[in-house]
């Protein structure tokens, strides 16, 4: 699944991403369009019109993926470019802040702590037991420092994430490129897909700015 590349930390986010993407694909009837293209390819009825339909379907797939991601990322940050690593770092800070509240005797939901722990990929078996307040404070300081560092490189992290997303899409379309012999072809195909994704994302960012300016009139 593409979402395995999209997000390896928060299963709740992955589920929401998959559901949103599924809705987008159904709305655009992409499954029917892809099946039709597949049948035309099998029967060697590939014409210029079919090529245009393929490009339209591929464009809709990319736009649907980005739309699903935007819905998830709105819950994370509007200041920094979204990436799984930055999302995990934010969750780690929240986790340790709530852990500190609990250490001071304030009520904190086990469900919320567990969710943040999963999002931050914190392995509880690696933590000291019991956790004293001084240790929680040290973990919180480290988490805040890590988050600050990642925020400084948020655009680079976003770029790496889109690179992984592009490669995931290429491999989903052509699994044979996983072989070592196809490494160069995979690299070129991924670069082309990355360029397409970045182009679509820039168009959406421009559209969002236009909407904001229009609302501020």
N, C-alpha and C. Protein backbone atom coordinates (compact mmCIF):
# COMPACT_ATOMS: atom_id res chain seq x y z
N UNK A 1 0.84 -1.20 0.00
CA UNK A 1 0.00 0.00 0.00
C UNK A 1 0.88 1.25 0.00
N UNK A 2 0.44 2.27 -0.73
CA UNK A 2 1.18 3.53 -0.75
C UNK A 2 1.29 4.13 0.63
N UNK A 3 0.27 3.92 1.47
CA UNK A 3 0.29 4.54 2.78
C UNK A 3 1.39 3.99 3.66
N UNK A 4 1.92 2.80 3.36
CA UNK A 4 3.04 2.27 4.14
C UNK A 4 4.27 3.15 3.95
N UNK A 5 4.41 3.74 2.76
CA UNK A 5 5.51 4.67 2.52
C UNK A 5 5.14 6.04 3.05
N UNK A 6 3.86 6.37 2.94
CA UNK A 6 3.39 7.69 3.34
C UNK A 6 3.60 7.94 4.82
N UNK A 7 3.38 6.93 5.63
CA UNK A 7 3.41 7.16 7.08
C UNK A 7 3.69 5.85 7.80
N UNK A 8 4.76 5.80 8.59
CA UNK A 8 5.10 4.57 9.30
C UNK A 8 4.93 4.71 10.79
N UNK A 9 4.31 5.78 11.26
CA UNK A 9 4.27 6.05 12.69
C UNK A 9 2.86 5.92 13.28
N UNK A 10 1.89 6.54 12.68
CA UNK A 10 0.58 6.67 13.30
C UNK A 10 -0.45 5.89 12.51
N UNK A 11 -0.94 4.78 13.05
CA UNK A 11 -1.90 3.95 12.34
C UNK A 11 -3.22 4.67 12.14
N UNK A 12 -3.60 5.57 13.07
CA UNK A 12 -4.83 6.33 12.93
C UNK A 12 -4.75 7.25 11.72
N UNK A 13 -3.59 7.88 11.54
CA UNK A 13 -3.40 8.78 10.41
C UNK A 13 -3.42 8.00 9.10
N UNK A 14 -2.78 6.83 9.09
CA UNK A 14 -2.76 5.99 7.89
C UNK A 14 -4.19 5.61 7.50
N UNK A 15 -4.99 5.22 8.49
CA UNK A 15 -6.37 4.82 8.22
C UNK A 15 -7.16 5.98 7.62
N UNK A 16 -7.01 7.17 8.19
CA UNK A 16 -7.72 8.33 7.67
C UNK A 16 -7.24 8.66 6.26
N UNK A 17 -5.93 8.54 6.04
CA UNK A 17 -5.38 8.79 4.71
C UNK A 17 -5.97 7.82 3.69
N UNK A 18 -6.00 6.52 4.06
CA UNK A 18 -6.52 5.51 3.14
C UNK A 18 -8.01 5.75 2.84
N UNK A 19 -8.78 6.09 3.87
CA UNK A 19 -10.21 6.33 3.67
C UNK A 19 -10.44 7.53 2.76
N UNK A 20 -9.68 8.60 3.00
CA UNK A 20 -9.83 9.80 2.18
C UNK A 20 -9.42 9.52 0.74
N UNK A 21 -8.32 8.80 0.57
CA UNK A 21 -7.86 8.47 -0.78
C UNK A 21 -8.88 7.60 -1.49
N UNK A 22 -9.46 6.64 -0.76
CA UNK A 22 -10.47 5.76 -1.35
C UNK A 22 -11.67 6.57 -1.83
N UNK A 23 -12.09 7.55 -1.03
CA UNK A 23 -13.21 8.41 -1.42
C UNK A 23 -12.88 9.20 -2.68
N UNK A 24 -11.64 9.69 -2.75
CA UNK A 24 -11.22 10.45 -3.92
C UNK A 24 -11.23 9.57 -5.18
N UNK A 25 -10.74 8.35 -5.04
CA UNK A 25 -10.67 7.44 -6.19
C UNK A 25 -12.08 7.07 -6.67
N UNK A 26 -13.00 6.86 -5.70
CA UNK A 26 -14.37 6.54 -6.08
C UNK A 26 -15.04 7.73 -6.76
N UNK A 27 -14.78 8.92 -6.22
CA UNK A 27 -15.38 10.13 -6.78
C UNK A 27 -14.97 10.32 -8.24
N UNK A 28 -13.70 10.07 -8.53
CA UNK A 28 -13.18 10.24 -9.89
C UNK A 28 -13.36 8.98 -10.75
N UNK A 29 -13.93 7.91 -10.15
CA UNK A 29 -14.15 6.64 -10.85
C UNK A 29 -12.85 6.14 -11.48
N UNK A 30 -11.77 6.27 -10.70
CA UNK A 30 -10.46 5.92 -11.25
C UNK A 30 -10.30 4.42 -11.47
N UNK A 31 -10.92 3.60 -10.62
CA UNK A 31 -10.78 2.15 -10.79
C UNK A 31 -11.34 1.71 -12.14
N UNK A 32 -12.51 2.25 -12.50
CA UNK A 32 -13.11 1.91 -13.80
C UNK A 32 -12.23 2.40 -14.94
N UNK A 33 -11.67 3.59 -14.79
CA UNK A 33 -10.84 4.16 -15.86
C UNK A 33 -9.56 3.34 -16.03
N UNK A 34 -8.97 2.92 -14.90
CA UNK A 34 -7.74 2.13 -14.97
C UNK A 34 -8.01 0.76 -15.59
N UNK A 35 -9.13 0.15 -15.21
CA UNK A 35 -9.47 -1.16 -15.79
C UNK A 35 -9.70 -1.05 -17.29
N UNK A 36 -10.33 0.04 -17.71
CA UNK A 36 -10.56 0.24 -19.14
C UNK A 36 -9.25 0.41 -19.89
N UNK A 37 -8.33 1.17 -19.30
CA UNK A 37 -7.01 1.35 -19.92
C UNK A 37 -6.26 0.03 -19.99
N UNK A 38 -6.38 -0.78 -18.94
CA UNK A 38 -5.70 -2.08 -18.90
C UNK A 38 -6.23 -2.98 -20.01
N UNK A 39 -7.55 -3.01 -20.18
CA UNK A 39 -8.14 -3.85 -21.23
C UNK A 39 -7.73 -3.37 -22.62
N UNK A 40 -7.64 -2.06 -22.79
CA UNK A 40 -7.22 -1.53 -24.09
C UNK A 40 -5.77 -1.87 -24.38
N UNK A 41 -4.95 -1.87 -23.33
CA UNK A 41 -3.54 -2.24 -23.51
C UNK A 41 -3.41 -3.72 -23.85
N UNK A 42 -4.23 -4.56 -23.21
CA UNK A 42 -4.18 -6.00 -23.47
C UNK A 42 -4.58 -6.32 -24.90
N UNK A 43 -5.54 -5.58 -25.42
CA UNK A 43 -6.02 -5.85 -26.77
C UNK A 43 -5.29 -5.02 -27.83
N UNK A 44 -4.22 -4.35 -27.38
CA UNK A 44 -3.37 -3.57 -28.27
C UNK A 44 -4.16 -2.47 -29.01
N UNK A 45 -5.10 -1.88 -28.28
CA UNK A 45 -5.88 -0.78 -28.86
C UNK A 45 -5.39 0.56 -28.33
N UNK A 46 -4.07 0.68 -28.18
CA UNK A 46 -3.50 1.89 -27.58
C UNK A 46 -3.36 2.97 -28.65
N UNK A 47 -4.14 4.00 -28.52
CA UNK A 47 -4.13 5.11 -29.48
C UNK A 47 -3.70 6.39 -28.78
N UNK A 48 -3.60 7.47 -29.52
CA UNK A 48 -3.25 8.76 -28.93
C UNK A 48 -4.29 9.18 -27.89
N UNK A 49 -5.56 8.90 -28.19
CA UNK A 49 -6.63 9.25 -27.25
C UNK A 49 -6.48 8.45 -25.95
N UNK A 50 -6.13 7.17 -26.06
CA UNK A 50 -5.92 6.34 -24.87
C UNK A 50 -4.75 6.88 -24.06
N UNK A 51 -3.71 7.33 -24.74
CA UNK A 51 -2.56 7.91 -24.05
C UNK A 51 -2.97 9.14 -23.25
N UNK A 52 -3.82 9.98 -23.87
CA UNK A 52 -4.30 11.16 -23.15
C UNK A 52 -5.15 10.77 -21.94
N UNK A 53 -5.96 9.73 -22.10
CA UNK A 53 -6.78 9.26 -20.98
C UNK A 53 -5.91 8.70 -19.86
N UNK A 54 -4.83 8.03 -20.26
CA UNK A 54 -3.89 7.50 -19.25
C UNK A 54 -3.25 8.65 -18.46
N UNK A 55 -2.83 9.68 -19.17
CA UNK A 55 -2.20 10.82 -18.49
C UNK A 55 -3.18 11.52 -17.56
N UNK A 56 -4.46 11.62 -17.99
CA UNK A 56 -5.48 12.23 -17.13
C UNK A 56 -5.69 11.39 -15.87
N UNK A 57 -5.75 10.08 -16.03
CA UNK A 57 -5.96 9.18 -14.89
C UNK A 57 -4.78 9.26 -13.92
N UNK A 58 -3.57 9.32 -14.48
CA UNK A 58 -2.38 9.42 -13.65
C UNK A 58 -2.36 10.73 -12.88
N UNK A 59 -2.78 11.80 -13.54
CA UNK A 59 -2.87 13.12 -12.89
C UNK A 59 -3.88 13.09 -11.76
N UNK A 60 -5.03 12.47 -11.99
CA UNK A 60 -6.06 12.38 -10.96
C UNK A 60 -5.59 11.56 -9.77
N UNK A 61 -4.82 10.51 -10.04
CA UNK A 61 -4.28 9.68 -8.96
C UNK A 61 -3.36 10.51 -8.06
N UNK A 62 -2.46 11.27 -8.66
CA UNK A 62 -1.53 12.09 -7.89
C UNK A 62 -2.28 13.16 -7.10
N UNK A 63 -3.24 13.81 -7.74
CA UNK A 63 -4.02 14.84 -7.05
C UNK A 63 -4.82 14.26 -5.90
N UNK A 64 -5.32 13.05 -6.07
CA UNK A 64 -6.07 12.39 -5.00
C UNK A 64 -5.18 12.07 -3.81
N UNK A 65 -3.95 11.62 -4.09
CA UNK A 65 -3.00 11.32 -3.03
C UNK A 65 -2.66 12.57 -2.24
N UNK A 66 -2.42 13.66 -2.95
CA UNK A 66 -2.07 14.91 -2.28
C UNK A 66 -3.26 15.47 -1.49
N UNK A 67 -4.46 15.31 -2.04
CA UNK A 67 -5.65 15.79 -1.34
C UNK A 67 -5.84 15.02 -0.03
N UNK A 68 -5.60 13.71 -0.07
CA UNK A 68 -5.72 12.90 1.15
C UNK A 68 -4.68 13.31 2.17
N UNK A 69 -3.48 13.60 1.70
CA UNK A 69 -2.42 14.01 2.62
C UNK A 69 -2.72 15.37 3.24
N UNK A 70 -3.26 16.30 2.43
CA UNK A 70 -3.57 17.63 2.94
C UNK A 70 -4.60 17.56 4.06
N UNK A 71 -5.56 16.65 3.91
CA UNK A 71 -6.59 16.52 4.95
C UNK A 71 -5.96 16.08 6.27
N UNK A 72 -4.99 15.18 6.19
CA UNK A 72 -4.31 14.71 7.40
C UNK A 72 -3.39 15.78 7.95
N UNK A 73 -2.63 16.44 7.07
CA UNK A 73 -1.62 17.40 7.51
C UNK A 73 -2.22 18.64 8.14
N UNK A 74 -3.48 18.97 7.82
CA UNK A 74 -4.12 20.14 8.43
C UNK A 74 -4.20 19.99 9.94
N UNK A 75 -4.21 18.74 10.43
CA UNK A 75 -4.30 18.51 11.86
C UNK A 75 -2.94 18.62 12.54
N UNK A 76 -1.88 18.76 11.74
CA UNK A 76 -0.54 18.74 12.30
C UNK A 76 0.05 20.14 12.43
N UNK A 77 0.15 20.88 11.34
CA UNK A 77 0.82 22.18 11.39
C UNK A 77 0.45 23.00 10.17
N UNK A 78 0.34 24.31 10.35
CA UNK A 78 0.13 25.20 9.22
C UNK A 78 1.37 26.08 9.01
N UNK A 79 2.38 25.90 9.86
CA UNK A 79 3.59 26.72 9.79
C UNK A 79 4.72 26.00 9.07
N UNK A 80 4.85 24.70 9.32
CA UNK A 80 5.95 23.92 8.75
C UNK A 80 5.42 22.90 7.75
N UNK A 81 6.23 22.62 6.74
CA UNK A 81 5.87 21.62 5.74
C UNK A 81 5.77 20.25 6.39
N UNK A 82 4.70 19.53 6.08
CA UNK A 82 4.42 18.27 6.75
C UNK A 82 5.38 17.18 6.30
N UNK A 83 5.77 16.34 7.26
CA UNK A 83 6.53 15.13 6.97
C UNK A 83 6.32 14.17 8.13
N UNK A 84 6.45 12.86 7.91
CA UNK A 84 6.28 11.89 9.00
C UNK A 84 7.22 12.13 10.17
N UNK A 85 8.47 12.51 9.89
CA UNK A 85 9.45 12.72 10.97
C UNK A 85 9.05 13.92 11.82
N UNK A 86 8.61 14.99 11.18
CA UNK A 86 8.21 16.17 11.94
C UNK A 86 6.95 15.87 12.76
N UNK A 87 6.02 15.14 12.16
CA UNK A 87 4.80 14.75 12.87
C UNK A 87 5.15 13.93 14.12
N UNK A 88 6.08 12.98 13.99
CA UNK A 88 6.48 12.15 15.12
C UNK A 88 7.14 12.98 16.22
N UNK A 89 7.93 13.96 15.80
CA UNK A 89 8.62 14.82 16.78
C UNK A 89 7.61 15.67 17.56
N UNK A 90 6.59 16.19 16.86
CA UNK A 90 5.55 16.97 17.53
C UNK A 90 4.81 16.09 18.54
N UNK A 91 4.49 14.88 18.15
CA UNK A 91 3.79 13.96 19.04
C UNK A 91 4.65 13.60 20.26
N UNK A 92 5.95 13.49 20.06
CA UNK A 92 6.86 13.17 21.17
C UNK A 92 6.83 14.28 22.22
N UNK A 93 6.85 15.53 21.76
CA UNK A 93 6.79 16.66 22.70
C UNK A 93 5.48 16.63 23.48
N UNK A 94 4.38 16.41 22.78
CA UNK A 94 3.07 16.35 23.46
C UNK A 94 3.04 15.19 24.46
N UNK A 95 3.61 14.08 24.06
CA UNK A 95 3.62 12.90 24.95
C UNK A 95 4.34 13.20 26.25
N UNK A 96 5.51 13.82 26.16
CA UNK A 96 6.30 14.07 27.37
C UNK A 96 5.71 15.20 28.20
N UNK A 97 5.04 16.14 27.55
CA UNK A 97 4.36 17.20 28.32
C UNK A 97 3.22 16.60 29.15
N UNK A 98 2.46 15.70 28.55
CA UNK A 98 1.36 15.06 29.28
C UNK A 98 1.90 14.10 30.34
N UNK A 99 3.02 13.45 30.03
CA UNK A 99 3.64 12.56 31.01
C UNK A 99 4.11 13.35 32.23
N UNK A 100 4.59 14.56 31.99
CA UNK A 100 5.01 15.41 33.10
C UNK A 100 3.81 15.82 33.95
N UNK A 101 2.70 16.14 33.29
CA UNK A 101 1.48 16.46 34.03
C UNK A 101 1.06 15.29 34.91
N UNK A 102 1.11 14.10 34.34
CA UNK A 102 0.73 12.91 35.11
C UNK A 102 1.69 12.70 36.27
N UNK A 103 2.98 12.94 36.04
CA UNK A 103 3.97 12.77 37.10
C UNK A 103 3.71 13.72 38.25
N UNK A 104 3.08 14.87 37.95
CA UNK A 104 2.74 15.85 38.98
C UNK A 104 1.37 15.57 39.60
N UNK A 105 0.76 14.46 39.21
CA UNK A 105 -0.50 14.06 39.82
C UNK A 105 -1.74 14.52 39.11
N UNK A 106 -1.59 15.16 37.95
CA UNK A 106 -2.75 15.62 37.20
C UNK A 106 -3.31 14.48 36.35
N UNK A 107 -4.63 14.39 36.20
CA UNK A 107 -5.23 13.30 35.43
C UNK A 107 -4.95 13.43 33.94
N UNK A 108 -4.47 12.34 33.34
CA UNK A 108 -4.20 12.31 31.91
C UNK A 108 -4.73 10.99 31.36
N UNK A 109 -5.46 11.06 30.26
CA UNK A 109 -6.07 9.87 29.67
C UNK A 109 -5.03 8.87 29.18
N UNK A 110 -5.21 7.60 29.52
CA UNK A 110 -4.32 6.55 29.02
C UNK A 110 -4.42 6.44 27.50
N UNK A 111 -5.64 6.63 26.98
CA UNK A 111 -5.85 6.52 25.54
C UNK A 111 -5.06 7.59 24.78
N UNK A 112 -5.08 8.82 25.29
CA UNK A 112 -4.36 9.91 24.64
C UNK A 112 -2.85 9.66 24.70
N UNK A 113 -2.37 9.24 25.86
CA UNK A 113 -0.94 8.94 25.99
C UNK A 113 -0.53 7.81 25.06
N UNK A 114 -1.36 6.80 24.99
CA UNK A 114 -1.05 5.67 24.11
C UNK A 114 -1.01 6.07 22.65
N UNK A 115 -1.96 6.92 22.25
CA UNK A 115 -2.00 7.39 20.86
C UNK A 115 -0.74 8.19 20.52
N UNK A 116 -0.37 9.11 21.41
CA UNK A 116 0.83 9.92 21.17
C UNK A 116 2.09 9.06 21.17
N UNK A 117 2.10 8.06 22.03
CA UNK A 117 3.26 7.16 22.08
C UNK A 117 3.43 6.42 20.76
N UNK A 118 2.30 5.98 20.18
CA UNK A 118 2.36 5.31 18.88
C UNK A 118 2.81 6.27 17.79
N UNK A 119 2.26 7.48 17.80
CA UNK A 119 2.61 8.47 16.78
C UNK A 119 4.08 8.83 16.85
N UNK A 120 4.62 8.91 18.07
CA UNK A 120 6.02 9.30 18.25
C UNK A 120 6.96 8.12 18.14
N UNK A 121 6.41 6.91 18.00
CA UNK A 121 7.22 5.69 17.89
C UNK A 121 8.12 5.54 19.12
N UNK A 122 7.55 5.77 20.30
CA UNK A 122 8.28 5.63 21.56
C UNK A 122 8.12 4.20 22.07
N UNK A 123 9.22 3.51 22.27
CA UNK A 123 9.21 2.13 22.75
C UNK A 123 9.25 2.15 24.28
N UNK A 124 8.12 1.83 24.89
CA UNK A 124 8.03 1.90 26.35
C UNK A 124 8.97 0.90 27.04
N UNK A 125 9.33 -0.17 26.32
CA UNK A 125 10.23 -1.16 26.92
C UNK A 125 11.64 -0.62 27.09
N UNK A 126 11.95 0.47 26.38
CA UNK A 126 13.28 1.06 26.47
C UNK A 126 13.34 2.19 27.50
N UNK A 127 12.22 2.49 28.14
CA UNK A 127 12.17 3.55 29.13
C UNK A 127 12.43 3.00 30.53
N UNK A 128 13.06 3.80 31.38
CA UNK A 128 13.28 3.35 32.77
C UNK A 128 11.96 3.20 33.50
N UNK A 129 11.91 2.26 34.41
CA UNK A 129 10.69 2.03 35.19
C UNK A 129 11.06 1.86 36.66
N UNK A 130 10.48 2.69 37.55
CA UNK A 130 9.50 3.75 37.26
C UNK A 130 10.16 4.99 36.68
N UNK A 131 9.33 5.84 36.08
CA UNK A 131 9.81 7.11 35.52
C UNK A 131 9.66 8.21 36.56
N UNK A 132 10.79 8.79 36.96
CA UNK A 132 10.74 9.88 37.93
C UNK A 132 10.59 11.21 37.21
N UNK A 133 10.17 12.22 37.93
CA UNK A 133 9.92 13.53 37.33
C UNK A 133 11.17 14.08 36.64
N UNK A 134 12.32 13.93 37.28
CA UNK A 134 13.55 14.45 36.67
C UNK A 134 13.84 13.78 35.33
N UNK A 135 13.52 12.49 35.22
CA UNK A 135 13.75 11.78 33.96
C UNK A 135 12.76 12.24 32.89
N UNK A 136 11.51 12.45 33.29
CA UNK A 136 10.51 12.93 32.35
C UNK A 136 10.90 14.31 31.82
N UNK A 137 11.40 15.17 32.72
CA UNK A 137 11.84 16.50 32.32
C UNK A 137 12.97 16.41 31.30
N UNK A 138 13.91 15.49 31.53
CA UNK A 138 15.04 15.32 30.60
C UNK A 138 14.55 14.83 29.24
N UNK A 139 13.60 13.89 29.24
CA UNK A 139 13.04 13.40 27.98
C UNK A 139 12.31 14.52 27.23
N UNK A 140 11.61 15.36 27.98
CA UNK A 140 10.88 16.48 27.37
C UNK A 140 11.85 17.47 26.76
N UNK A 141 12.93 17.79 27.48
CA UNK A 141 13.93 18.71 26.94
C UNK A 141 14.54 18.17 25.65
N UNK A 142 14.85 16.89 25.65
CA UNK A 142 15.43 16.26 24.45
C UNK A 142 14.44 16.30 23.30
N UNK A 143 13.16 16.00 23.59
CA UNK A 143 12.13 16.01 22.55
C UNK A 143 11.95 17.42 21.96
N UNK A 144 11.98 18.44 22.83
CA UNK A 144 11.85 19.83 22.36
C UNK A 144 13.04 20.23 21.49
N UNK A 145 14.22 19.80 21.90
CA UNK A 145 15.43 20.12 21.12
C UNK A 145 15.39 19.43 19.76
N UNK A 146 14.95 18.16 19.75
CA UNK A 146 14.84 17.42 18.49
C UNK A 146 13.83 18.08 17.56
N UNK A 147 12.71 18.52 18.12
CA UNK A 147 11.67 19.17 17.31
C UNK A 147 12.19 20.47 16.71
N UNK A 148 12.90 21.26 17.51
CA UNK A 148 13.45 22.53 17.02
C UNK A 148 14.40 22.28 15.85
N UNK A 149 15.23 21.25 15.97
CA UNK A 149 16.18 20.91 14.90
C UNK A 149 15.45 20.51 13.63
N UNK A 150 14.43 19.66 13.78
CA UNK A 150 13.68 19.20 12.61
C UNK A 150 12.89 20.33 11.96
N UNK A 151 12.39 21.25 12.77
CA UNK A 151 11.65 22.38 12.21
C UNK A 151 12.53 23.25 11.32
N UNK A 152 13.81 23.34 11.67
CA UNK A 152 14.75 24.12 10.86
C UNK A 152 14.96 23.47 9.49
N UNK A 153 14.74 22.17 9.43
CA UNK A 153 14.97 21.43 8.17
C UNK A 153 13.66 20.89 7.61
N UNK A 154 12.55 21.57 7.93
CA UNK A 154 11.25 21.02 7.54
C UNK A 154 11.07 20.90 6.03
N UNK A 155 11.65 21.81 5.27
CA UNK A 155 11.52 21.72 3.81
C UNK A 155 12.31 20.54 3.25
N UNK A 156 13.48 20.30 3.82
CA UNK A 156 14.28 19.15 3.39
C UNK A 156 13.55 17.85 3.72
N UNK A 157 12.96 17.80 4.92
CA UNK A 157 12.21 16.61 5.32
C UNK A 157 11.01 16.40 4.41
N UNK A 158 10.36 17.49 4.04
CA UNK A 158 9.23 17.40 3.12
C UNK A 158 9.68 16.85 1.78
N UNK A 159 10.84 17.34 1.30
CA UNK A 159 11.37 16.86 0.04
C UNK A 159 11.68 15.37 0.07
N UNK A 160 12.28 14.91 1.17
CA UNK A 160 12.57 13.48 1.32
C UNK A 160 11.29 12.66 1.34
N UNK A 161 10.28 13.19 2.01
CA UNK A 161 9.00 12.49 2.08
C UNK A 161 8.36 12.36 0.70
N UNK A 162 8.38 13.45 -0.07
CA UNK A 162 7.81 13.40 -1.42
C UNK A 162 8.60 12.46 -2.32
N UNK A 163 9.91 12.39 -2.10
CA UNK A 163 10.74 11.44 -2.84
C UNK A 163 10.29 10.01 -2.58
N UNK A 164 10.04 9.69 -1.31
CA UNK A 164 9.57 8.35 -0.94
C UNK A 164 8.18 8.10 -1.52
N UNK A 165 7.34 9.13 -1.49
CA UNK A 165 6.00 9.00 -2.03
C UNK A 165 6.04 8.74 -3.53
N UNK A 166 6.91 9.44 -4.22
CA UNK A 166 7.05 9.26 -5.67
C UNK A 166 7.54 7.85 -6.00
N UNK A 167 8.54 7.39 -5.26
CA UNK A 167 9.06 6.04 -5.50
C UNK A 167 8.00 4.99 -5.20
N UNK A 168 7.21 5.21 -4.15
CA UNK A 168 6.14 4.27 -3.80
C UNK A 168 5.13 4.16 -4.93
N UNK A 169 4.79 5.29 -5.53
CA UNK A 169 3.82 5.27 -6.62
C UNK A 169 4.37 4.56 -7.84
N UNK A 170 5.64 4.82 -8.15
CA UNK A 170 6.29 4.17 -9.30
C UNK A 170 6.31 2.65 -9.10
N UNK A 171 6.69 2.22 -7.90
CA UNK A 171 6.77 0.78 -7.62
C UNK A 171 5.39 0.14 -7.60
N UNK A 172 4.38 0.90 -7.17
CA UNK A 172 3.02 0.37 -7.17
C UNK A 172 2.54 0.12 -8.60
N UNK A 173 2.98 0.98 -9.51
CA UNK A 173 2.59 0.85 -10.91
C UNK A 173 3.44 -0.19 -11.64
N UNK A 174 4.70 -0.34 -11.21
CA UNK A 174 5.61 -1.26 -11.90
C UNK A 174 6.51 -1.96 -10.87
N UNK A 175 6.01 -3.00 -10.19
CA UNK A 175 6.78 -3.69 -9.15
C UNK A 175 8.10 -4.29 -9.63
N UNK A 176 8.20 -4.56 -10.93
CA UNK A 176 9.43 -5.16 -11.46
C UNK A 176 10.64 -4.25 -11.30
N UNK A 177 10.41 -2.96 -11.07
CA UNK A 177 11.52 -2.01 -10.91
C UNK A 177 12.23 -2.18 -9.57
N UNK A 178 11.71 -3.05 -8.70
CA UNK A 178 12.38 -3.32 -7.42
C UNK A 178 13.69 -4.07 -7.60
N UNK A 179 13.85 -4.74 -8.73
CA UNK A 179 15.05 -5.55 -8.95
C UNK A 179 16.28 -4.68 -9.07
N UNK A 180 17.45 -5.14 -8.60
CA UNK A 180 18.69 -4.35 -8.68
C UNK A 180 19.03 -3.94 -10.11
N UNK A 181 18.66 -4.79 -11.08
CA UNK A 181 18.99 -4.49 -12.47
C UNK A 181 18.24 -3.25 -12.99
N UNK A 182 17.12 -2.95 -12.34
CA UNK A 182 16.29 -1.83 -12.79
C UNK A 182 16.52 -0.57 -11.97
N UNK A 183 17.61 -0.52 -11.22
CA UNK A 183 17.86 0.60 -10.31
C UNK A 183 17.87 1.95 -11.03
N UNK A 184 18.55 2.02 -12.17
CA UNK A 184 18.65 3.28 -12.90
C UNK A 184 17.29 3.70 -13.46
N UNK A 185 16.55 2.72 -13.95
CA UNK A 185 15.22 3.03 -14.49
C UNK A 185 14.30 3.51 -13.37
N UNK A 186 14.42 2.87 -12.21
CA UNK A 186 13.61 3.28 -11.06
C UNK A 186 13.97 4.71 -10.65
N UNK A 187 15.25 5.03 -10.66
CA UNK A 187 15.69 6.38 -10.28
C UNK A 187 15.12 7.43 -11.23
N UNK A 188 15.17 7.14 -12.53
CA UNK A 188 14.65 8.09 -13.52
C UNK A 188 13.13 8.23 -13.41
N UNK A 189 12.45 7.11 -13.25
CA UNK A 189 10.99 7.14 -13.14
C UNK A 189 10.56 7.88 -11.88
N UNK A 190 11.29 7.67 -10.79
CA UNK A 190 10.98 8.34 -9.53
C UNK A 190 11.20 9.85 -9.67
N UNK A 191 12.27 10.23 -10.35
CA UNK A 191 12.56 11.66 -10.55
C UNK A 191 11.44 12.33 -11.34
N UNK A 192 10.95 11.64 -12.37
CA UNK A 192 9.84 12.20 -13.17
C UNK A 192 8.58 12.33 -12.33
N UNK A 193 8.29 11.30 -11.55
CA UNK A 193 7.08 11.33 -10.71
C UNK A 193 7.21 12.39 -9.62
N UNK A 194 8.40 12.54 -9.06
CA UNK A 194 8.62 13.57 -8.04
C UNK A 194 8.38 14.96 -8.62
N UNK A 195 8.86 15.17 -9.83
CA UNK A 195 8.65 16.47 -10.50
C UNK A 195 7.16 16.73 -10.68
N UNK A 196 6.40 15.71 -11.07
CA UNK A 196 4.96 15.86 -11.25
C UNK A 196 4.27 16.20 -9.94
N UNK A 197 4.64 15.48 -8.87
CA UNK A 197 4.02 15.71 -7.57
C UNK A 197 4.32 17.13 -7.08
N UNK A 198 5.58 17.55 -7.23
CA UNK A 198 5.96 18.89 -6.79
C UNK A 198 5.23 19.96 -7.60
N UNK A 199 5.03 19.71 -8.88
CA UNK A 199 4.32 20.66 -9.72
C UNK A 199 2.86 20.80 -9.27
N UNK A 200 2.22 19.66 -9.02
CA UNK A 200 0.82 19.68 -8.57
C UNK A 200 0.71 20.35 -7.21
N UNK A 201 1.66 20.06 -6.33
CA UNK A 201 1.62 20.64 -4.99
C UNK A 201 1.79 22.17 -5.07
N UNK A 202 2.67 22.63 -5.93
CA UNK A 202 2.87 24.08 -6.08
C UNK A 202 1.61 24.74 -6.62
N UNK A 203 0.92 24.06 -7.53
CA UNK A 203 -0.34 24.61 -8.06
C UNK A 203 -1.37 24.73 -6.95
N UNK A 204 -1.43 23.70 -6.08
CA UNK A 204 -2.39 23.74 -4.97
C UNK A 204 -2.04 24.86 -3.99
N UNK A 205 -0.74 25.03 -3.72
CA UNK A 205 -0.31 26.10 -2.80
C UNK A 205 -0.68 27.47 -3.36
N UNK A 206 -0.51 27.65 -4.66
CA UNK A 206 -0.88 28.91 -5.29
C UNK A 206 -2.40 29.12 -5.21
N UNK A 207 -3.15 28.06 -5.46
CA UNK A 207 -4.61 28.15 -5.37
C UNK A 207 -5.04 28.52 -3.95
N UNK A 208 -4.37 27.93 -2.95
CA UNK A 208 -4.72 28.23 -1.57
C UNK A 208 -4.44 29.71 -1.25
N UNK A 209 -3.34 30.25 -1.74
CA UNK A 209 -3.01 31.65 -1.51
C UNK A 209 -4.06 32.57 -2.14
N UNK A 210 -4.49 32.20 -3.34
CA UNK A 210 -5.50 33.00 -4.03
C UNK A 210 -6.81 33.01 -3.23
N UNK A 211 -7.20 31.84 -2.71
CA UNK A 211 -8.42 31.75 -1.92
C UNK A 211 -8.31 32.60 -0.66
N UNK A 212 -7.15 32.54 0.01
CA UNK A 212 -6.95 33.32 1.23
C UNK A 212 -7.05 34.80 0.94
N UNK A 213 -6.41 35.26 -0.16
CA UNK A 213 -6.47 36.67 -0.53
C UNK A 213 -7.89 37.09 -0.86
N UNK A 214 -8.63 36.20 -1.53
CA UNK A 214 -10.01 36.52 -1.88
C UNK A 214 -10.87 36.65 -0.64
N UNK A 215 -10.65 35.78 0.36
CA UNK A 215 -11.44 35.83 1.60
C UNK A 215 -11.10 37.06 2.44
N UNK A 216 -9.89 37.60 2.25
CA UNK A 216 -9.47 38.75 3.02
C UNK A 216 -9.90 40.07 2.40
N UNK A 217 -10.55 40.00 1.26
CA UNK A 217 -10.97 41.24 0.60
C UNK A 217 -11.97 42.02 1.44
